[in-house]
Amino acid sequence: MNFKTIVAASLLAAFVTPAFAADEFYVVQDVKTTKCTIVDKKPVDTTTTVVSPSGTVYKTRTEAETGMKSVKVCTSN
């Protein structure tokens, strides 16, 4: 019985964890090309910079697209 519980919990965790990770979107700007894009992971390298107002984290891609239109450096490209 314990083995079945452990297997069930492992399977549940395997399917639920990616769903929680996919609800963060960032508006970033490439340092070299100055083009803005939307990414689903916070950049950790120096080739892109988060340009969302106050480092805003968007819950959906649609919110990020709307937010990107309000970022001055993205609309001036």
N, C-alpha and C. Protein backbone atom coordinates (compact mmCIF):
# COMPACT_ATOMS: atom_id res chain seq x y z
N MET A 1 0.82 -1.19 0.00
CA MET A 1 0.00 0.00 0.00
C MET A 1 0.87 1.26 0.00
N ASN A 2 1.95 1.27 0.73
CA ASN A 2 2.83 2.43 0.76
C ASN A 2 3.48 2.68 -0.60
N PHE A 3 3.81 1.61 -1.29
CA PHE A 3 4.44 1.75 -2.60
C PHE A 3 3.48 2.43 -3.59
N LYS A 4 2.21 2.04 -3.56
CA LYS A 4 1.21 2.64 -4.45
C LYS A 4 1.02 4.12 -4.12
N THR A 5 1.05 4.47 -2.87
CA THR A 5 0.91 5.86 -2.45
C THR A 5 2.09 6.70 -2.93
N ILE A 6 3.28 6.16 -2.81
CA ILE A 6 4.48 6.88 -3.26
C ILE A 6 4.47 7.07 -4.77
N VAL A 7 4.10 6.04 -5.50
CA VAL A 7 4.02 6.13 -6.96
C VAL A 7 2.97 7.15 -7.37
N ALA A 8 1.82 7.13 -6.74
CA ALA A 8 0.74 8.07 -7.07
C ALA A 8 1.17 9.51 -6.78
N ALA A 9 1.83 9.73 -5.65
CA ALA A 9 2.30 11.07 -5.29
C ALA A 9 3.37 11.55 -6.26
N SER A 10 4.23 10.66 -6.69
CA SER A 10 5.28 11.03 -7.64
C SER A 10 4.68 11.42 -8.99
N LEU A 11 3.72 10.65 -9.45
CA LEU A 11 3.07 10.97 -10.72
C LEU A 11 2.32 12.30 -10.64
N LEU A 12 1.65 12.52 -9.54
CA LEU A 12 0.93 13.79 -9.37
C LEU A 12 1.89 14.96 -9.39
N ALA A 13 3.00 14.84 -8.69
CA ALA A 13 4.00 15.91 -8.66
C ALA A 13 4.61 16.14 -10.03
N ALA A 14 4.79 15.09 -10.80
CA ALA A 14 5.39 15.22 -12.13
C ALA A 14 4.49 16.00 -13.08
N PHE A 15 3.18 15.88 -12.91
CA PHE A 15 2.26 16.58 -13.80
C PHE A 15 1.89 17.97 -13.31
N VAL A 16 1.90 18.19 -12.02
CA VAL A 16 1.48 19.47 -11.46
C VAL A 16 2.61 20.50 -11.48
N THR A 17 3.82 20.11 -11.24
CA THR A 17 4.95 21.04 -11.16
C THR A 17 5.13 21.88 -12.42
N PRO A 18 5.12 21.32 -13.63
CA PRO A 18 5.26 22.15 -14.82
C PRO A 18 4.12 23.15 -15.00
N ALA A 19 2.94 22.82 -14.54
CA ALA A 19 1.81 23.74 -14.66
C ALA A 19 2.03 25.00 -13.82
N PHE A 20 2.65 24.86 -12.67
CA PHE A 20 2.93 26.02 -11.84
C PHE A 20 4.04 26.88 -12.42
N ALA A 21 4.97 26.30 -13.09
CA ALA A 21 6.11 27.04 -13.63
C ALA A 21 5.75 27.85 -14.86
N ALA A 22 4.67 27.54 -15.54
CA ALA A 22 4.35 28.18 -16.80
C ALA A 22 3.51 29.45 -16.65
N ASP A 23 3.34 29.97 -15.45
CA ASP A 23 2.49 31.15 -15.29
C ASP A 23 3.28 32.42 -14.99
N GLU A 24 4.50 32.49 -15.49
CA GLU A 24 5.31 33.70 -15.35
C GLU A 24 5.83 34.10 -16.73
N PHE A 25 5.54 35.33 -17.11
CA PHE A 25 6.02 35.85 -18.38
C PHE A 25 6.69 37.19 -18.13
N TYR A 26 7.78 37.44 -18.84
CA TYR A 26 8.55 38.66 -18.69
C TYR A 26 8.73 39.33 -20.05
N VAL A 27 8.73 40.66 -20.05
CA VAL A 27 9.07 41.42 -21.25
C VAL A 27 10.55 41.75 -21.15
N VAL A 28 11.33 41.28 -22.12
CA VAL A 28 12.77 41.49 -22.09
C VAL A 28 13.23 42.16 -23.37
N GLN A 29 14.36 42.81 -23.29
CA GLN A 29 14.94 43.48 -24.45
C GLN A 29 16.34 42.92 -24.68
N ASP A 30 16.61 42.55 -25.92
CA ASP A 30 17.95 42.08 -26.30
C ASP A 30 18.89 43.28 -26.30
N VAL A 31 20.01 43.14 -25.64
CA VAL A 31 20.95 44.24 -25.49
C VAL A 31 21.55 44.67 -26.83
N LYS A 32 21.86 43.71 -27.70
CA LYS A 32 22.51 44.02 -28.97
C LYS A 32 21.53 44.55 -30.02
N THR A 33 20.37 43.92 -30.15
CA THR A 33 19.44 44.31 -31.21
C THR A 33 18.38 45.30 -30.75
N THR A 34 18.23 45.50 -29.46
CA THR A 34 17.20 46.33 -28.82
C THR A 34 15.78 45.90 -29.17
N LYS A 35 15.60 44.66 -29.55
CA LYS A 35 14.26 44.13 -29.85
C LYS A 35 13.66 43.57 -28.56
N CYS A 36 12.37 43.79 -28.36
CA CYS A 36 11.68 43.27 -27.18
C CYS A 36 10.98 41.95 -27.52
N THR A 37 11.00 41.05 -26.57
CA THR A 37 10.31 39.77 -26.71
C THR A 37 9.69 39.39 -25.37
N ILE A 38 8.86 38.35 -25.41
CA ILE A 38 8.24 37.83 -24.20
C ILE A 38 8.82 36.45 -23.95
N VAL A 39 9.27 36.24 -22.72
CA VAL A 39 9.84 34.94 -22.35
C VAL A 39 9.10 34.39 -21.13
N ASP A 40 9.17 33.08 -20.96
CA ASP A 40 8.48 32.46 -19.83
C ASP A 40 9.41 32.11 -18.67
N LYS A 41 10.67 32.50 -18.78
CA LYS A 41 11.62 32.31 -17.68
C LYS A 41 12.38 33.62 -17.48
N LYS A 42 12.63 33.96 -16.24
CA LYS A 42 13.38 35.18 -15.96
C LYS A 42 14.79 35.03 -16.48
N PRO A 43 15.26 35.98 -17.29
CA PRO A 43 16.61 35.86 -17.84
C PRO A 43 17.67 35.98 -16.76
N VAL A 44 18.69 35.15 -16.89
CA VAL A 44 19.78 35.17 -15.92
C VAL A 44 21.10 35.60 -16.56
N ASP A 45 21.12 35.72 -17.88
CA ASP A 45 22.35 36.13 -18.56
C ASP A 45 22.34 37.64 -18.80
N THR A 46 23.41 38.15 -19.36
CA THR A 46 23.53 39.60 -19.57
C THR A 46 23.17 40.02 -20.99
N THR A 47 22.69 39.09 -21.81
CA THR A 47 22.34 39.46 -23.19
C THR A 47 20.94 40.04 -23.29
N THR A 48 20.12 39.85 -22.26
CA THR A 48 18.77 40.43 -22.25
C THR A 48 18.53 41.12 -20.92
N THR A 49 17.63 42.10 -20.95
CA THR A 49 17.29 42.87 -19.76
C THR A 49 15.77 42.88 -19.61
N VAL A 50 15.28 42.68 -18.40
CA VAL A 50 13.84 42.78 -18.14
C VAL A 50 13.48 44.26 -18.21
N VAL A 51 12.51 44.59 -19.08
CA VAL A 51 12.12 45.99 -19.26
C VAL A 51 10.69 46.24 -18.83
N SER A 52 10.05 45.28 -18.20
CA SER A 52 8.69 45.47 -17.69
C SER A 52 8.73 46.55 -16.62
N PRO A 53 7.66 47.33 -16.51
CA PRO A 53 7.63 48.36 -15.46
C PRO A 53 7.82 47.75 -14.08
N SER A 54 8.82 48.19 -13.36
CA SER A 54 9.15 47.70 -12.02
C SER A 54 9.35 46.19 -11.97
N GLY A 55 9.83 45.61 -13.06
CA GLY A 55 10.08 44.17 -13.10
C GLY A 55 8.81 43.33 -13.02
N THR A 56 7.72 43.85 -13.57
CA THR A 56 6.42 43.17 -13.51
C THR A 56 6.50 41.75 -14.05
N VAL A 57 5.88 40.84 -13.32
CA VAL A 57 5.76 39.46 -13.76
C VAL A 57 4.31 39.27 -14.19
N TYR A 58 4.09 38.89 -15.43
CA TYR A 58 2.75 38.73 -15.95
C TYR A 58 2.30 37.28 -15.79
N LYS A 59 1.02 37.09 -15.54
CA LYS A 59 0.47 35.74 -15.32
C LYS A 59 0.15 35.03 -16.63
N THR A 60 -0.19 35.78 -17.68
CA THR A 60 -0.52 35.17 -18.96
C THR A 60 0.28 35.84 -20.06
N ARG A 61 0.39 35.16 -21.17
CA ARG A 61 1.11 35.72 -22.32
C ARG A 61 0.37 36.94 -22.86
N THR A 62 -0.95 36.92 -22.82
CA THR A 62 -1.76 38.05 -23.29
C THR A 62 -1.49 39.29 -22.46
N GLU A 63 -1.39 39.14 -21.15
CA GLU A 63 -1.05 40.27 -20.28
C GLU A 63 0.33 40.81 -20.62
N ALA A 64 1.27 39.93 -20.90
CA ALA A 64 2.62 40.36 -21.25
C ALA A 64 2.63 41.11 -22.57
N GLU A 65 1.84 40.66 -23.54
CA GLU A 65 1.76 41.35 -24.83
C GLU A 65 1.19 42.75 -24.65
N THR A 66 0.15 42.88 -23.83
CA THR A 66 -0.43 44.19 -23.54
C THR A 66 0.58 45.06 -22.81
N GLY A 67 1.28 44.49 -21.85
CA GLY A 67 2.30 45.23 -21.11
C GLY A 67 3.44 45.68 -21.99
N MET A 68 3.81 44.86 -22.97
CA MET A 68 4.91 45.21 -23.87
C MET A 68 4.56 46.45 -24.68
N LYS A 69 3.28 46.63 -25.01
CA LYS A 69 2.86 47.81 -25.78
C LYS A 69 3.01 49.09 -24.97
N SER A 70 3.02 48.98 -23.63
CA SER A 70 3.12 50.17 -22.81
C SER A 70 4.56 50.51 -22.41
N VAL A 71 5.50 49.62 -22.72
CA VAL A 71 6.90 49.86 -22.38
C VAL A 71 7.51 50.77 -23.45
N LYS A 72 8.02 51.91 -23.02
CA LYS A 72 8.50 52.92 -23.96
C LYS A 72 9.62 52.43 -24.87
N VAL A 73 10.59 51.70 -24.35
CA VAL A 73 11.70 51.25 -25.17
C VAL A 73 11.27 50.22 -26.20
N CYS A 74 10.15 49.52 -25.94
CA CYS A 74 9.66 48.52 -26.89
C CYS A 74 8.83 49.16 -28.01
N THR A 75 8.12 50.24 -27.71
CA THR A 75 7.29 50.88 -28.72
C THR A 75 8.09 51.81 -29.60
N SER A 76 9.30 52.17 -29.19
CA SER A 76 10.10 53.08 -30.00
C SER A 76 10.91 52.38 -31.06
N ASN A 77 10.88 51.02 -31.07
CA ASN A 77 11.64 50.25 -32.08
C ASN A 77 10.95 50.27 -33.41
